[in-house]
Amino acid sequence: EAHDAYTRDDALRLSSHVSPDLVVLDLKMPNLNGLDLIQQIKKL
């Protein structure tokens, strides 16, 4: 079951809503550093 997200907010919303087993995260995106998002996903 695969979902996709472009923004930090979408990623966090989907992470809390669908409870993924695996998040595949690009390191470098405009206005978003994948390193910053790792801890937020792990907190969820």
Full PDB file with SEQRES, HELIX, SHEET, SSBOND, CRYST1, ORIGX, SCALE, CONECT and MASTER records, all heavy atoms in Angstrom:
SEQRES   1 A   44  GLU ALA HIS ASP ALA TYR THR ARG ASP ASP ALA LEU ARG          
SEQRES   2 A   44  LEU SER SER HIS VAL SER PRO ASP LEU VAL VAL LEU ASP          
SEQRES   3 A   44  LEU LYS MET PRO ASN LEU ASN GLY LEU ASP LEU ILE GLN          
SEQRES   4 A   44  GLN ILE LYS LYS LEU                                          
HELIX    1 AA1 ARG A    8  VAL A   18  1                                  11    
HELIX    2 AA2 GLY A   34  LYS A   43  1                                  10    
SHEET    1 AA1 2 LYS A  28  MET A  29  0                                        
SHEET    2 AA1 2 LEU A  32  ASN A  33 -1                                        
CRYST1    1.000    1.000    1.000  90.00  90.00  90.00 P 1           1          
ORIGX1      1.000000  0.000000  0.000000        0.00000                         
ORIGX2      0.000000  1.000000  0.000000        0.00000                         
ORIGX3      0.000000  0.000000  1.000000        0.00000                         
SCALE1      1.000000  0.000000  0.000000        0.00000                         
SCALE2      0.000000  1.000000  0.000000        0.00000                         
SCALE3      0.000000  0.000000  1.000000        0.00000                         
ATOM      1  N   GLU A   1       0.885  -1.158   0.000  1.00  0.00           N  
ATOM      2  CA  GLU A   1       0.000   0.000   0.000  1.00  0.00           C  
ATOM      3  C   GLU A   1       0.929   1.214   0.000  1.00  0.00           C  
ATOM      4  O   GLU A   1       1.713   1.387   0.928  1.00  0.00           O  
ATOM      5  CB  GLU A   1      -0.871  -0.010   1.253  1.00  0.00           C  
ATOM      6  CG  GLU A   1      -1.808   1.168   1.356  1.00  0.00           C  
ATOM      7  CD  GLU A   1      -2.603   1.159   2.655  1.00  0.00           C  
ATOM      8  OE1 GLU A   1      -2.908   0.071   3.175  1.00  0.00           O  
ATOM      9  OE2 GLU A   1      -2.886   2.262   3.160  1.00  0.00           O  
ATOM     10  N   ALA A   2       0.854   2.036  -1.058  1.00  0.00           N  
ATOM     11  CA  ALA A   2       1.805   3.140  -1.202  1.00  0.00           C  
ATOM     12  C   ALA A   2       1.099   4.492  -1.236  1.00  0.00           C  
ATOM     13  O   ALA A   2       0.056   4.647  -1.870  1.00  0.00           O  
ATOM     14  CB  ALA A   2       2.628   2.954  -2.470  1.00  0.00           C  
ATOM     15  N   HIS A   3       1.689   5.443  -0.531  1.00  0.00           N  
ATOM     16  CA  HIS A   3       1.202   6.822  -0.495  1.00  0.00           C  
ATOM     17  C   HIS A   3       2.384   7.735  -0.807  1.00  0.00           C  
ATOM     18  O   HIS A   3       3.535   7.366  -0.577  1.00  0.00           O  
ATOM     19  CB  HIS A   3       0.655   7.163   0.902  1.00  0.00           C  
ATOM     20  CG  HIS A   3      -0.416   6.231   1.359  1.00  0.00           C  
ATOM     21  ND1 HIS A   3      -1.735   6.420   1.052  1.00  0.00           N  
ATOM     22  CD2 HIS A   3      -0.346   5.079   2.074  1.00  0.00           C  
ATOM     23  CE1 HIS A   3      -2.451   5.440   1.584  1.00  0.00           C  
ATOM     24  NE2 HIS A   3      -1.620   4.602   2.210  1.00  0.00           N  
ATOM     25  N   ASP A   4       2.073   8.945  -1.291  1.00  0.00           N  
ATOM     26  CA  ASP A   4       3.170   9.869  -1.573  1.00  0.00           C  
ATOM     27  C   ASP A   4       2.871  11.244  -1.001  1.00  0.00           C  
ATOM     28  O   ASP A   4       1.716  11.606  -0.794  1.00  0.00           O  
ATOM     29  CB  ASP A   4       3.452   9.958  -3.080  1.00  0.00           C  
ATOM     30  CG  ASP A   4       2.326  10.595  -3.856  1.00  0.00           C  
ATOM     31  OD1 ASP A   4       1.209  10.030  -3.885  1.00  0.00           O  
ATOM     32  OD2 ASP A   4       2.534  11.666  -4.434  1.00  0.00           O  
ATOM     33  N   ALA A   5       3.955  11.981  -0.711  1.00  0.00           N  
ATOM     34  CA  ALA A   5       3.836  13.330  -0.148  1.00  0.00           C  
ATOM     35  C   ALA A   5       4.937  14.214  -0.721  1.00  0.00           C  
ATOM     36  O   ALA A   5       6.032  13.735  -1.035  1.00  0.00           O  
ATOM     37  CB  ALA A   5       3.943  13.275   1.379  1.00  0.00           C  
ATOM     38  N   TYR A   6       4.629  15.489  -0.843  1.00  0.00           N  
ATOM     39  CA  TYR A   6       5.582  16.466  -1.372  1.00  0.00           C  
ATOM     40  C   TYR A   6       6.075  17.424  -0.289  1.00  0.00           C  
ATOM     41  O   TYR A   6       7.203  17.856  -0.310  1.00  0.00           O  
ATOM     42  CB  TYR A   6       4.912  17.247  -2.505  1.00  0.00           C  
ATOM     43  CG  TYR A   6       5.713  18.414  -3.023  1.00  0.00           C  
ATOM     44  CD1 TYR A   6       6.867  18.197  -3.767  1.00  0.00           C  
ATOM     45  CD2 TYR A   6       5.332  19.718  -2.759  1.00  0.00           C  
ATOM     46  CE1 TYR A   6       7.622  19.251  -4.242  1.00  0.00           C  
ATOM     47  CE2 TYR A   6       6.076  20.782  -3.235  1.00  0.00           C  
ATOM     48  CZ  TYR A   6       7.215  20.548  -3.983  1.00  0.00           C  
ATOM     49  OH  TYR A   6       7.959  21.588  -4.441  1.00  0.00           O  
ATOM     50  N   THR A   7       5.224  17.730   0.678  1.00  0.00           N  
ATOM     51  CA  THR A   7       5.572  18.708   1.708  1.00  0.00           C  
ATOM     52  C   THR A   7       5.733  18.043   3.068  1.00  0.00           C  
ATOM     53  O   THR A   7       5.276  16.912   3.282  1.00  0.00           O  
ATOM     54  CB  THR A   7       4.471  19.792   1.832  1.00  0.00           C  
ATOM     55  OG1 THR A   7       3.272  19.178   2.325  1.00  0.00           O  
ATOM     56  CG2 THR A   7       4.208  20.480   0.498  1.00  0.00           C  
ATOM     57  N   ARG A   8       6.339  18.767   3.987  1.00  0.00           N  
ATOM     58  CA  ARG A   8       6.503  18.293   5.361  1.00  0.00           C  
ATOM     59  C   ARG A   8       5.132  18.031   5.990  1.00  0.00           C  
ATOM     60  O   ARG A   8       4.913  16.998   6.620  1.00  0.00           O  
ATOM     61  CB  ARG A   8       7.264  19.333   6.184  1.00  0.00           C  
ATOM     62  CG  ARG A   8       7.199  19.049   7.686  1.00  0.00           C  
ATOM     63  CD  ARG A   8       7.825  20.137   8.532  1.00  0.00           C  
ATOM     64  NE  ARG A   8       9.252  19.923   8.515  1.00  0.00           N  
ATOM     65  CZ  ARG A   8      10.143  20.825   8.117  1.00  0.00           C  
ATOM     66  NH1 ARG A   8       9.753  21.999   7.707  1.00  0.00           N  
ATOM     67  NH2 ARG A   8      11.420  20.562   8.138  1.00  0.00           N  
ATOM     68  N   ASP A   9       4.194  18.974   5.807  1.00  0.00           N  
ATOM     69  CA  ASP A   9       2.873  18.819   6.405  1.00  0.00           C  
ATOM     70  C   ASP A   9       2.154  17.584   5.873  1.00  0.00           C  
ATOM     71  O   ASP A   9       1.540  16.841   6.640  1.00  0.00           O  
ATOM     72  CB  ASP A   9       2.028  20.074   6.165  1.00  0.00           C  
ATOM     73  CG  ASP A   9       2.560  21.289   6.918  1.00  0.00           C  
ATOM     74  OD1 ASP A   9       3.291  21.098   7.923  1.00  0.00           O  
ATOM     75  OD2 ASP A   9       2.265  22.422   6.505  1.00  0.00           O  
ATOM     76  N   ASP A  10       2.231  17.367   4.542  1.00  0.00           N  
ATOM     77  CA  ASP A  10       1.608  16.173   3.961  1.00  0.00           C  
ATOM     78  C   ASP A  10       2.252  14.902   4.512  1.00  0.00           C  
ATOM     79  O   ASP A  10       1.563  13.930   4.827  1.00  0.00           O  
ATOM     80  CB  ASP A  10       1.733  16.176   2.438  1.00  0.00           C  
ATOM     81  CG  ASP A  10       0.792  17.165   1.764  1.00  0.00           C  
ATOM     82  OD1 ASP A  10      -0.153  17.643   2.435  1.00  0.00           O  
ATOM     83  OD2 ASP A  10       1.011  17.465   0.575  1.00  0.00           O  
ATOM     84  N   ALA A  11       3.575  14.914   4.619  1.00  0.00           N  
ATOM     85  CA  ALA A  11       4.293  13.736   5.122  1.00  0.00           C  
ATOM     86  C   ALA A  11       3.886  13.425   6.563  1.00  0.00           C  
ATOM     87  O   ALA A  11       3.628  12.263   6.903  1.00  0.00           O  
ATOM     88  CB  ALA A  11       5.800  13.953   5.024  1.00  0.00           C  
ATOM     89  N   LEU A  12       3.824  14.442   7.396  1.00  0.00           N  
ATOM     90  CA  LEU A  12       3.448  14.220   8.798  1.00  0.00           C  
ATOM     91  C   LEU A  12       1.983  13.821   8.929  1.00  0.00           C  
ATOM     92  O   LEU A  12       1.643  12.942   9.730  1.00  0.00           O  
ATOM     93  CB  LEU A  12       3.749  15.469   9.624  1.00  0.00           C  
ATOM     94  CG  LEU A  12       5.239  15.797   9.777  1.00  0.00           C  
ATOM     95  CD1 LEU A  12       5.431  17.141  10.473  1.00  0.00           C  
ATOM     96  CD2 LEU A  12       5.955  14.696  10.530  1.00  0.00           C  
ATOM     97  N   ARG A  13       1.113  14.444   8.136  1.00  0.00           N  
ATOM     98  CA  ARG A  13      -0.311  14.108   8.176  1.00  0.00           C  
ATOM     99  C   ARG A  13      -0.520  12.658   7.755  1.00  0.00           C  
ATOM    100  O   ARG A  13      -1.208  11.891   8.432  1.00  0.00           O  
ATOM    101  CB  ARG A  13      -1.104  15.053   7.266  1.00  0.00           C  
ATOM    102  CG  ARG A  13      -2.601  14.787   7.253  1.00  0.00           C  
ATOM    103  CD  ARG A  13      -3.343  15.737   6.315  1.00  0.00           C  
ATOM    104  NE  ARG A  13      -2.777  15.778   4.978  1.00  0.00           N  
ATOM    105  CZ  ARG A  13      -2.962  14.847   4.038  1.00  0.00           C  
ATOM    106  NH1 ARG A  13      -3.681  13.790   4.307  1.00  0.00           N  
ATOM    107  NH2 ARG A  13      -2.423  14.975   2.848  1.00  0.00           N  
ATOM    108  N   LEU A  14       0.106  12.262   6.634  1.00  0.00           N  
ATOM    109  CA  LEU A  14      -0.039  10.880   6.170  1.00  0.00           C  
ATOM    110  C   LEU A  14       0.607   9.888   7.139  1.00  0.00           C  
ATOM    111  O   LEU A  14       0.082   8.794   7.348  1.00  0.00           O  
ATOM    112  CB  LEU A  14       0.565  10.725   4.777  1.00  0.00           C  
ATOM    113  CG  LEU A  14      -0.332  11.193   3.631  1.00  0.00           C  
ATOM    114  CD1 LEU A  14       0.456  11.302   2.336  1.00  0.00           C  
ATOM    115  CD2 LEU A  14      -1.512  10.258   3.459  1.00  0.00           C  
ATOM    116  N   SER A  15       1.733  10.270   7.730  1.00  0.00           N  
ATOM    117  CA  SER A  15       2.393   9.381   8.691  1.00  0.00           C  
ATOM    118  C   SER A  15       1.497   9.093   9.885  1.00  0.00           C  
ATOM    119  O   SER A  15       1.438   7.966  10.376  1.00  0.00           O  
ATOM    120  CB  SER A  15       3.715   9.981   9.171  1.00  0.00           C  
ATOM    121  OG  SER A  15       4.653   9.997   8.138  1.00  0.00           O  
ATOM    122  N   SER A  16       0.768  10.103  10.355  1.00  0.00           N  
ATOM    123  CA  SER A  16      -0.107   9.876  11.497  1.00  0.00           C  
ATOM    124  C   SER A  16      -1.419   9.209  11.082  1.00  0.00           C  
ATOM    125  O   SER A  16      -2.002   8.452  11.854  1.00  0.00           O  
ATOM    126  CB  SER A  16      -0.381  11.190  12.232  1.00  0.00           C  
ATOM    127  OG  SER A  16      -1.071  12.082  11.383  1.00  0.00           O  
ATOM    128  N   HIS A  17      -1.852   9.441   9.849  1.00  0.00           N  
ATOM    129  CA  HIS A  17      -3.137   8.898   9.395  1.00  0.00           C  
ATOM    130  C   HIS A  17      -3.048   7.439   8.948  1.00  0.00           C  
ATOM    131  O   HIS A  17      -3.876   6.612   9.346  1.00  0.00           O  
ATOM    132  CB  HIS A  17      -3.693   9.759   8.255  1.00  0.00           C  
ATOM    133  CG  HIS A  17      -4.986   9.285   7.706  1.00  0.00           C  
ATOM    134  ND1 HIS A  17      -6.161   9.335   8.429  1.00  0.00           N  
ATOM    135  CD2 HIS A  17      -5.294   8.729   6.512  1.00  0.00           C  
ATOM    136  CE1 HIS A  17      -7.136   8.834   7.697  1.00  0.00           C  
ATOM    137  NE2 HIS A  17      -6.632   8.463   6.523  1.00  0.00           N  
ATOM    138  N   VAL A  18      -2.052   7.093   8.119  1.00  0.00           N  
ATOM    139  CA  VAL A  18      -1.976   5.737   7.572  1.00  0.00           C  
ATOM    140  C   VAL A  18      -1.004   4.842   8.328  1.00  0.00           C  
ATOM    141  O   VAL A  18      -0.945   3.653   8.060  1.00  0.00           O  
ATOM    142  CB  VAL A  18      -1.612   5.730   6.063  1.00  0.00           C  
ATOM    143  CG1 VAL A  18      -2.630   6.492   5.262  1.00  0.00           C  
ATOM    144  CG2 VAL A  18      -0.219   6.249   5.818  1.00  0.00           C  
ATOM    145  N   SER A  19      -0.239   5.404   9.234  1.00  0.00           N  
ATOM    146  CA  SER A  19       0.729   4.656  10.031  1.00  0.00           C  
ATOM    147  C   SER A  19       1.600   3.737   9.166  1.00  0.00           C  
ATOM    148  O   SER A  19       1.489   2.517   9.217  1.00  0.00           O  
ATOM    149  CB  SER A  19       0.000   3.845  11.098  1.00  0.00           C  
ATOM    150  OG  SER A  19       0.940   3.261  11.960  1.00  0.00           O  
ATOM    151  N   PRO A  20       2.479   4.345   8.354  1.00  0.00           N  
ATOM    152  CA  PRO A  20       3.297   3.525   7.448  1.00  0.00           C  
ATOM    153  C   PRO A  20       4.299   2.653   8.196  1.00  0.00           C  
ATOM    154  O   PRO A  20       4.745   2.990   9.284  1.00  0.00           O  
ATOM    155  CB  PRO A  20       4.018   4.570   6.585  1.00  0.00           C  
ATOM    156  CG  PRO A  20       4.076   5.786   7.445  1.00  0.00           C  
ATOM    157  CD  PRO A  20       2.824   5.757   8.274  1.00  0.00           C  
ATOM    158  N   ASP A  21       4.637   1.545   7.570  1.00  0.00           N  
ATOM    159  CA  ASP A  21       5.697   0.689   8.086  1.00  0.00           C  
ATOM    160  C   ASP A  21       7.047   1.237   7.654  1.00  0.00           C  
ATOM    161  O   ASP A  21       8.045   1.075   8.347  1.00  0.00           O  
ATOM    162  CB  ASP A  21       5.553  -0.737   7.541  1.00  0.00           C  
ATOM    163  CG  ASP A  21       4.225  -1.351   7.930  1.00  0.00           C  
ATOM    164  OD1 ASP A  21       3.967  -1.445   9.142  1.00  0.00           O  
ATOM    165  OD2 ASP A  21       3.457  -1.715   7.026  1.00  0.00           O  
ATOM    166  N   LEU A  22       7.056   1.885   6.470  1.00  0.00           N  
ATOM    167  CA  LEU A  22       8.290   2.380   5.857  1.00  0.00           C  
ATOM    168  C   LEU A  22       8.053   3.750   5.259  1.00  0.00           C  
ATOM    169  O   LEU A  22       7.066   3.959   4.553  1.00  0.00           O  
ATOM    170  CB  LEU A  22       8.739   1.402   4.755  1.00  0.00           C  
ATOM    171  CG  LEU A  22       9.865   1.836   3.831  1.00  0.00           C  
ATOM    172  CD1 LEU A  22      11.160   2.044   4.609  1.00  0.00           C  
ATOM    173  CD2 LEU A  22      10.068   0.813   2.722  1.00  0.00           C  
ATOM    174  N   VAL A  23       8.970   4.680   5.552  1.00  0.00           N  
ATOM    175  CA  VAL A  23       8.969   5.995   4.916  1.00  0.00           C  
ATOM    176  C   VAL A  23      10.249   6.097   4.098  1.00  0.00           C  
ATOM    177  O   VAL A  23      11.349   5.933   4.621  1.00  0.00           O  
ATOM    178  CB  VAL A  23       8.896   7.146   5.945  1.00  0.00           C  
ATOM    179  CG1 VAL A  23       9.055   8.497   5.256  1.00  0.00           C  
ATOM    180  CG2 VAL A  23       7.588   7.100   6.717  1.00  0.00           C  
ATOM    181  N   VAL A  24      10.083   6.352   2.795  1.00  0.00           N  
ATOM    182  CA  VAL A  24      11.204   6.567   1.882  1.00  0.00           C  
ATOM    183  C   VAL A  24      11.288   8.075   1.701  1.00  0.00           C  
ATOM    184  O   VAL A  24      10.378   8.698   1.170  1.00  0.00           O  
ATOM    185  CB  VAL A  24      10.982   5.858   0.531  1.00  0.00           C  
ATOM    186  CG1 VAL A  24      12.147   6.117  -0.400  1.00  0.00           C  
ATOM    187  CG2 VAL A  24      10.773   4.367   0.746  1.00  0.00           C  
ATOM    188  N   LEU A  25      12.391   8.664   2.176  1.00  0.00           N  
ATOM    189  CA  LEU A  25      12.485  10.113   2.310  1.00  0.00           C  
ATOM    190  C   LEU A  25      13.659  10.665   1.522  1.00  0.00           C  
ATOM    191  O   LEU A  25      14.797  10.235   1.712  1.00  0.00           O  
ATOM    192  CB  LEU A  25      12.650  10.427   3.809  1.00  0.00           C  
ATOM    193  CG  LEU A  25      12.757  11.838   4.283  1.00  0.00           C  
ATOM    194  CD1 LEU A  25      11.521  12.650   3.928  1.00  0.00           C  
ATOM    195  CD2 LEU A  25      12.954  11.856   5.799  1.00  0.00           C  
ATOM    196  N   ASP A  26      13.366  11.612   0.615  1.00  0.00           N  
ATOM    197  CA  ASP A  26      14.421  12.278  -0.140  1.00  0.00           C  
ATOM    198  C   ASP A  26      15.150  13.220   0.811  1.00  0.00           C  
ATOM    199  O   ASP A  26      14.533  13.915   1.613  1.00  0.00           O  
ATOM    200  CB  ASP A  26      13.827  13.060  -1.313  1.00  0.00           C  
ATOM    201  CG  ASP A  26      14.875  13.613  -2.266  1.00  0.00           C  
ATOM    202  OD1 ASP A  26      16.056  13.244  -2.155  1.00  0.00           O  
ATOM    203  OD2 ASP A  26      14.502  14.423  -3.129  1.00  0.00           O  
ATOM    204  N   LEU A  27      16.470  13.247   0.701  1.00  0.00           N  
ATOM    205  CA  LEU A  27      17.270  14.075   1.602  1.00  0.00           C  
ATOM    206  C   LEU A  27      17.148  15.557   1.287  1.00  0.00           C  
ATOM    207  O   LEU A  27      17.002  16.383   2.166  1.00  0.00           O  
ATOM    208  CB  LEU A  27      18.741  13.649   1.538  1.00  0.00           C  
ATOM    209  CG  LEU A  27      19.688  14.388   2.456  1.00  0.00           C  
ATOM    210  CD1 LEU A  27      19.366  14.091   3.907  1.00  0.00           C  
ATOM    211  CD2 LEU A  27      21.114  13.999   2.164  1.00  0.00           C  
ATOM    212  N   LYS A  28      17.196  15.899   0.001  1.00  0.00           N  
ATOM    213  CA  LYS A  28      17.226  17.297  -0.387  1.00  0.00           C  
ATOM    214  C   LYS A  28      16.018  17.663  -1.234  1.00  0.00           C  
ATOM    215  O   LYS A  28      15.854  17.179  -2.340  1.00  0.00           O  
ATOM    216  CB  LYS A  28      18.501  17.562  -1.184  1.00  0.00           C  
ATOM    217  CG  LYS A  28      19.282  18.714  -0.671  1.00  0.00           C  
ATOM    218  CD  LYS A  28      20.560  18.887  -1.409  1.00  0.00           C  
ATOM    219  CE  LYS A  28      21.309  19.997  -0.707  1.00  0.00           C  
ATOM    220  NZ  LYS A  28      22.598  20.214  -1.221  1.00  0.00           N  
ATOM    221  N   MET A  29      15.172  18.525  -0.667  1.00  0.00           N  
ATOM    222  CA  MET A  29      14.006  19.014  -1.387  1.00  0.00           C  
ATOM    223  C   MET A  29      13.899  20.520  -1.153  1.00  0.00           C  
ATOM    224  O   MET A  29      14.399  21.028  -0.154  1.00  0.00           O  
ATOM    225  CB  MET A  29      12.745  18.320  -0.867  1.00  0.00           C  
ATOM    226  CG  MET A  29      12.731  16.825  -1.109  1.00  0.00           C  
ATOM    227  SD  MET A  29      11.222  16.044  -0.559  1.00  0.00           S  
ATOM    228  CE  MET A  29      11.448  16.032   1.213  1.00  0.00           C  
ATOM    229  N   PRO A  30      13.241  21.238  -2.066  1.00  0.00           N  
ATOM    230  CA  PRO A  30      13.070  22.672  -1.851  1.00  0.00           C  
ATOM    231  C   PRO A  30      12.295  22.930  -0.556  1.00  0.00           C  
ATOM    232  O   PRO A  30      11.272  22.302  -0.309  1.00  0.00           O  
ATOM    233  CB  PRO A  30      12.256  23.135  -3.064  1.00  0.00           C  
ATOM    234  CG  PRO A  30      12.358  22.041  -4.059  1.00  0.00           C  
ATOM    235  CD  PRO A  30      12.656  20.787  -3.318  1.00  0.00           C  
ATOM    236  N   ASN A  31      12.793  23.804   0.254  1.00  0.00           N  
ATOM    237  CA  ASN A  31      12.157  24.203   1.517  1.00  0.00           C  
ATOM    238  C   ASN A  31      11.978  23.055   2.508  1.00  0.00           C  
ATOM    239  O   ASN A  31      11.181  23.157   3.421  1.00  0.00           O  
ATOM    240  CB  ASN A  31      10.804  24.873   1.261  1.00  0.00           C  
ATOM    241  CG  ASN A  31      10.906  26.055   0.349  1.00  0.00           C  
ATOM    242  OD1 ASN A  31      11.839  26.847   0.452  1.00  0.00           O  
ATOM    243  ND2 ASN A  31       9.973  26.190  -0.575  1.00  0.00           N  
ATOM    244  N   LEU A  32      12.692  21.948   2.293  1.00  0.00           N  
ATOM    245  CA  LEU A  32      12.567  20.823   3.210  1.00  0.00           C  
ATOM    246  C   LEU A  32      13.851  20.011   3.189  1.00  0.00           C  
ATOM    247  O   LEU A  32      14.315  19.604   2.138  1.00  0.00           O  
ATOM    248  CB  LEU A  32      11.390  19.928   2.799  1.00  0.00           C  
ATOM    249  CG  LEU A  32      11.179  18.651   3.609  1.00  0.00           C  
ATOM    250  CD1 LEU A  32      10.880  18.960   5.057  1.00  0.00           C  
ATOM    251  CD2 LEU A  32      10.056  17.832   3.008  1.00  0.00           C  
ATOM    252  N   ASN A  33      14.417  19.818   4.353  1.00  0.00           N  
ATOM    253  CA  ASN A  33      15.593  18.981   4.490  1.00  0.00           C  
ATOM    254  C   ASN A  33      15.125  17.676   5.120  1.00  0.00           C  
ATOM    255  O   ASN A  33      14.534  17.676   6.192  1.00  0.00           O  
ATOM    256  CB  ASN A  33      16.623  19.690   5.382  1.00  0.00           C  
ATOM    257  CG  ASN A  33      17.892  18.902   5.560  1.00  0.00           C  
ATOM    258  OD1 ASN A  33      17.951  17.713   5.279  1.00  0.00           O  
ATOM    259  ND2 ASN A  33      18.917  19.574   6.022  1.00  0.00           N  
ATOM    260  N   GLY A  34      15.375  16.568   4.427  1.00  0.00           N  
ATOM    261  CA  GLY A  34      14.942  15.270   4.926  1.00  0.00           C  
ATOM    262  C   GLY A  34      15.461  14.962   6.316  1.00  0.00           C  
ATOM    263  O   GLY A  34      14.804  14.285   7.091  1.00  0.00           O  
ATOM    264  N   LEU A  35      16.649  15.497   6.643  1.00  0.00           N  
ATOM    265  CA  LEU A  35      17.211  15.255   7.978  1.00  0.00           C  
ATOM    266  C   LEU A  35      16.305  15.833   9.062  1.00  0.00           C  
ATOM    267  O   LEU A  35      16.163  15.244  10.130  1.00  0.00           O  
ATOM    268  CB  LEU A  35      18.611  15.862   8.083  1.00  0.00           C  
ATOM    269  CG  LEU A  35      19.695  15.223   7.216  1.00  0.00           C  
ATOM    270  CD1 LEU A  35      21.004  16.000   7.352  1.00  0.00           C  
ATOM    271  CD2 LEU A  35      19.904  13.768   7.575  1.00  0.00           C  
ATOM    272  N   ASP A  36      15.681  16.981   8.785  1.00  0.00           N  
ATOM    273  CA  ASP A  36      14.798  17.605   9.773  1.00  0.00           C  
ATOM    274  C   ASP A  36      13.528  16.784   9.997  1.00  0.00           C  
ATOM    275  O   ASP A  36      12.949  16.803  11.078  1.00  0.00           O  
ATOM    276  CB  ASP A  36      14.398  19.010   9.314  1.00  0.00           C  
ATOM    277  CG  ASP A  36      15.581  19.949   9.191  1.00  0.00           C  
ATOM    278  OD1 ASP A  36      16.608  19.709   9.863  1.00  0.00           O  
ATOM    279  OD2 ASP A  36      15.492  20.919   8.414  1.00  0.00           O  
ATOM    280  N   LEU A  37      13.103  16.087   8.970  1.00  0.00           N  
ATOM    281  CA  LEU A  37      11.843  15.353   9.041  1.00  0.00           C  
ATOM    282  C   LEU A  37      11.967  13.987   9.716  1.00  0.00           C  
ATOM    283  O   LEU A  37      10.992  13.460  10.234  1.00  0.00           O  
ATOM    284  CB  LEU A  37      11.291  15.197   7.618  1.00  0.00           C  
ATOM    285  CG  LEU A  37       9.844  14.794   7.449  1.00  0.00           C  
ATOM    286  CD1 LEU A  37       8.913  15.684   8.248  1.00  0.00           C  
ATOM    287  CD2 LEU A  37       9.471  14.825   5.982  1.00  0.00           C  
ATOM    288  N   ILE A  38      13.180  13.433   9.757  1.00  0.00           N  
ATOM    289  CA  ILE A  38      13.382  12.095  10.340  1.00  0.00           C  
ATOM    290  C   ILE A  38      12.866  12.045  11.775  1.00  0.00           C  
ATOM    291  O   ILE A  38      12.062  11.177  12.131  1.00  0.00           O  
ATOM    292  CB  ILE A  38      14.874  11.685  10.321  1.00  0.00           C  
ATOM    293  CG1 ILE A  38      15.375  11.545   8.891  1.00  0.00           C  
ATOM    294  CG2 ILE A  38      15.085  10.377  11.074  1.00  0.00           C  
ATOM    295  CD1 ILE A  38      16.893  11.405   8.803  1.00  0.00           C  
ATOM    296  N   GLN A  39      13.318  12.969  12.606  1.00  0.00           N  
ATOM    297  CA  GLN A  39      12.942  12.933  14.017  1.00  0.00           C  
ATOM    298  C   GLN A  39      11.450  13.170  14.215  1.00  0.00           C  
ATOM    299  O   GLN A  39      10.841  12.572  15.105  1.00  0.00           O  
ATOM    300  CB  GLN A  39      13.751  13.958  14.810  1.00  0.00           C  
ATOM    301  CG  GLN A  39      15.203  13.571  14.939  1.00  0.00           C  
ATOM    302  CD  GLN A  39      15.998  14.598  15.715  1.00  0.00           C  
ATOM    303  OE1 GLN A  39      15.902  15.790  15.455  1.00  0.00           O  
ATOM    304  NE2 GLN A  39      16.785  14.133  16.663  1.00  0.00           N  
ATOM    305  N   GLN A  40      10.859  14.016  13.379  1.00  0.00           N  
ATOM    306  CA  GLN A  40       9.427  14.280  13.501  1.00  0.00           C  
ATOM    307  C   GLN A  40       8.614  13.025  13.189  1.00  0.00           C  
ATOM    308  O   GLN A  40       7.620  12.739  13.862  1.00  0.00           O  
ATOM    309  CB  GLN A  40       9.025  15.428  12.584  1.00  0.00           C  
ATOM    310  CG  GLN A  40       9.641  16.750  12.997  1.00  0.00           C  
ATOM    311  CD  GLN A  40       9.340  17.858  12.004  1.00  0.00           C  
ATOM    312  OE1 GLN A  40       8.430  17.749  11.202  1.00  0.00           O  
ATOM    313  NE2 GLN A  40      10.124  18.922  12.049  1.00  0.00           N  
ATOM    314  N   ILE A  41       9.040  12.282  12.182  1.00  0.00           N  
ATOM    315  CA  ILE A  41       8.349  11.034  11.834  1.00  0.00           C  
ATOM    316  C   ILE A  41       8.540  10.008  12.948  1.00  0.00           C  
ATOM    317  O   ILE A  41       7.593   9.332  13.362  1.00  0.00           O  
ATOM    318  CB  ILE A  41       8.860  10.488  10.479  1.00  0.00           C  
ATOM    319  CG1 ILE A  41       8.372  11.394   9.341  1.00  0.00           C  
ATOM    320  CG2 ILE A  41       8.416   9.047  10.258  1.00  0.00           C  
ATOM    321  CD1 ILE A  41       8.980  11.098   7.998  1.00  0.00           C  
ATOM    322  N   LYS A  42       9.754   9.905  13.470  1.00  0.00           N  
ATOM    323  CA  LYS A  42      10.029   8.939  14.541  1.00  0.00           C  
ATOM    324  C   LYS A  42       9.266   9.294  15.823  1.00  0.00           C  
ATOM    325  O   LYS A  42       8.916   8.400  16.599  1.00  0.00           O  
ATOM    326  CB  LYS A  42      11.537   8.867  14.826  1.00  0.00           C  
ATOM    327  CG  LYS A  42      12.326   8.188  13.721  1.00  0.00           C  
ATOM    328  CD  LYS A  42      12.075   6.702  13.712  1.00  0.00           C  
ATOM    329  CE  LYS A  42      13.051   5.981  12.813  1.00  0.00           C  
ATOM    330  NZ  LYS A  42      12.954   4.548  12.922  1.00  0.00           N  
ATOM    331  N   LYS A  43       8.994  10.595  16.058  1.00  0.00           N  
ATOM    332  CA  LYS A  43       8.206  10.992  17.232  1.00  0.00           C  
ATOM    333  C   LYS A  43       6.767  10.511  17.109  1.00  0.00           C  
ATOM    334  O   LYS A  43       6.144  10.171  18.106  1.00  0.00           O  
ATOM    335  CB  LYS A  43       8.224  12.511  17.406  1.00  0.00           C  
ATOM    336  CG  LYS A  43       9.468  13.029  18.058  1.00  0.00           C  
ATOM    337  CD  LYS A  43       9.397  14.532  18.248  1.00  0.00           C  
ATOM    338  CE  LYS A  43      10.726  15.075  18.736  1.00  0.00           C  
ATOM    339  NZ  LYS A  43      10.729  16.536  18.819  1.00  0.00           N  
ATOM    340  N   LEU A  44       6.241  10.497  15.879  1.00  0.00           N  
ATOM    341  CA  LEU A  44       4.881  10.011  15.671  1.00  0.00           C  
ATOM    342  C   LEU A  44       4.770   8.530  15.986  1.00  0.00           C  
ATOM    343  O   LEU A  44       3.812   8.085  16.611  1.00  0.00           O  
ATOM    344  CB  LEU A  44       4.442  10.254  14.218  1.00  0.00           C  
ATOM    345  CG  LEU A  44       4.217  11.694  13.806  1.00  0.00           C  
ATOM    346  CD1 LEU A  44       3.950  11.780  12.312  1.00  0.00           C  
ATOM    347  CD2 LEU A  44       3.047  12.287  14.579  1.00  0.00           C  
TER     348      LEU A  44                                                      
MASTER        0    0    0    2    2    0    0    6  347    1    0    4          
END                                                                             
